[in-house]
Every structure is written in C-alpha cells, then in structure tokens.
C-alpha cells in the first residue's frame, strides 16, 4: 500500500468511527478542497508533515496518534 492510500484509509476509518461527515472534516482540516479530494480518492498525493498535522488537528488528535495504526507499519507500505 502507498502512503497516500494508507492516509486515505485511516481518514475514512476515523470519520466512520466518529460519525464525522467528509464535508465537516474538510472544513475543519483547512486543506484545499482539491487536495482533500485527491487524498480521499487515493490518487497520488505528496503527503507532507503539514498535511498529516492538519488532518490530525481536524480529528482532535496528535500527528503521532494519527500515524499510530497498522496501516503505517513498514511491512504494510510500499518501498
């Protein structure tokens, strides 16, 4: 799995768990609409620390909490 795909899956899992609509999340994240759309569509996106922290902040968690998922284990990510 690519990092951008793992990020998209993690976002979708957390939104589902917390019953947060994509629109609400998009507004809270402050990410540009087209960037968020590309991420959630699992299109190639350069995931930066800024993006991770914006996502985490919108979900009321730290960046390390967001990344604390088996999705981001090295054996699950493409090299």
Protein backbone atom coordinates (compact mmCIF):
# COMPACT_ATOMS: atom_id res chain seq x y z
CA UNK A 1 0.00 0.00 0.00
CA UNK A 2 1.24 3.50 -0.78
CA UNK A 3 1.45 6.11 1.98
CA UNK A 4 -1.26 8.24 0.33
CA UNK A 5 -3.56 5.18 0.27
CA UNK A 6 -2.86 4.46 3.94
CA UNK A 7 -3.64 8.08 4.83
CA UNK A 8 -6.93 7.92 2.93
CA UNK A 9 -7.93 4.67 4.60
CA UNK A 10 -7.00 5.99 8.05
CA UNK A 11 -9.07 9.13 7.49
CA UNK A 12 -12.07 7.15 6.29
CA UNK A 13 -11.85 4.73 9.24
CA UNK A 14 -11.68 7.59 11.75
CA UNK A 15 -14.51 9.51 10.10
CA UNK A 16 -16.69 6.40 10.20
CA UNK A 17 -15.78 5.62 13.84
CA UNK A 18 -16.51 9.20 14.91
CA UNK A 19 -19.56 9.75 12.67
CA UNK A 20 -17.98 12.79 11.02
CA UNK A 21 -19.11 13.77 7.53
CA UNK A 22 -16.45 14.33 4.88
CA UNK A 23 -17.69 17.88 4.37
CA UNK A 24 -17.31 18.71 8.07
CA UNK A 25 -13.87 17.13 8.12
CA UNK A 26 -12.83 19.07 5.03
CA UNK A 27 -13.91 22.34 6.59
CA UNK A 28 -12.12 21.60 9.87
CA UNK A 29 -8.92 20.40 8.21
CA UNK A 30 -8.36 23.59 6.28
CA UNK A 31 -6.98 21.57 3.38
CA UNK A 32 -7.83 22.83 -0.09
CA UNK A 33 -10.85 21.00 -1.50
CA UNK A 34 -8.98 19.59 -4.49
CA UNK A 35 -6.14 18.30 -2.31
CA UNK A 36 -8.50 16.56 0.10
CA UNK A 37 -10.49 15.13 -2.80
CA UNK A 38 -7.31 13.65 -4.31
CA UNK A 39 -6.29 12.16 -0.95
CA UNK A 40 -9.67 10.54 -0.30
CA UNK A 41 -9.86 9.26 -3.89
CA UNK A 42 -6.49 7.57 -3.26
CA UNK A 43 -4.85 9.44 -6.11
CA UNK A 44 -1.12 10.05 -5.87
CA UNK A 45 -0.55 12.93 -3.47
CA UNK A 46 2.67 14.00 -1.82
CA UNK A 47 1.81 13.59 1.87
CA UNK A 48 3.77 16.12 3.90
CA UNK A 49 4.03 16.65 7.65
CA UNK A 50 1.85 19.74 7.23
CA UNK A 51 -0.93 17.63 5.71
CA UNK A 52 -0.68 14.96 8.43
CA UNK A 53 -0.85 17.57 11.19
CA UNK A 54 -3.80 19.37 9.56
CA UNK A 55 -5.65 16.08 9.27
CA UNK A 56 -4.84 15.11 12.86
CA UNK A 57 -5.84 18.52 14.22
CA UNK A 58 -9.21 18.29 12.44
CA UNK A 59 -9.73 14.92 14.12
CA UNK A 60 -8.70 16.27 17.55
CA UNK A 61 -5.62 14.07 17.79
CA UNK A 62 -1.87 14.44 17.53
CA UNK A 63 0.10 13.58 14.43
CA UNK A 64 1.61 10.59 16.22
CA UNK A 65 -1.87 9.35 17.22
CA UNK A 66 -3.00 9.60 13.60
CA UNK A 67 0.03 7.61 12.43
CA UNK A 68 -0.36 5.04 15.24
CA UNK A 69 -2.08 2.46 13.06
CA UNK A 70 -1.01 -0.84 11.50
CA UNK A 71 -1.70 0.84 8.15
CA UNK A 72 1.59 2.71 8.60
CA UNK A 73 3.72 -0.26 9.68
CA UNK A 74 6.67 -0.60 7.32
CA UNK A 75 5.66 -4.10 6.24
CA UNK A 76 2.33 -2.72 5.03
CA UNK A 77 3.78 0.13 2.96
CA UNK A 78 5.44 0.02 -0.45
CA UNK A 79 9.11 0.79 -0.50
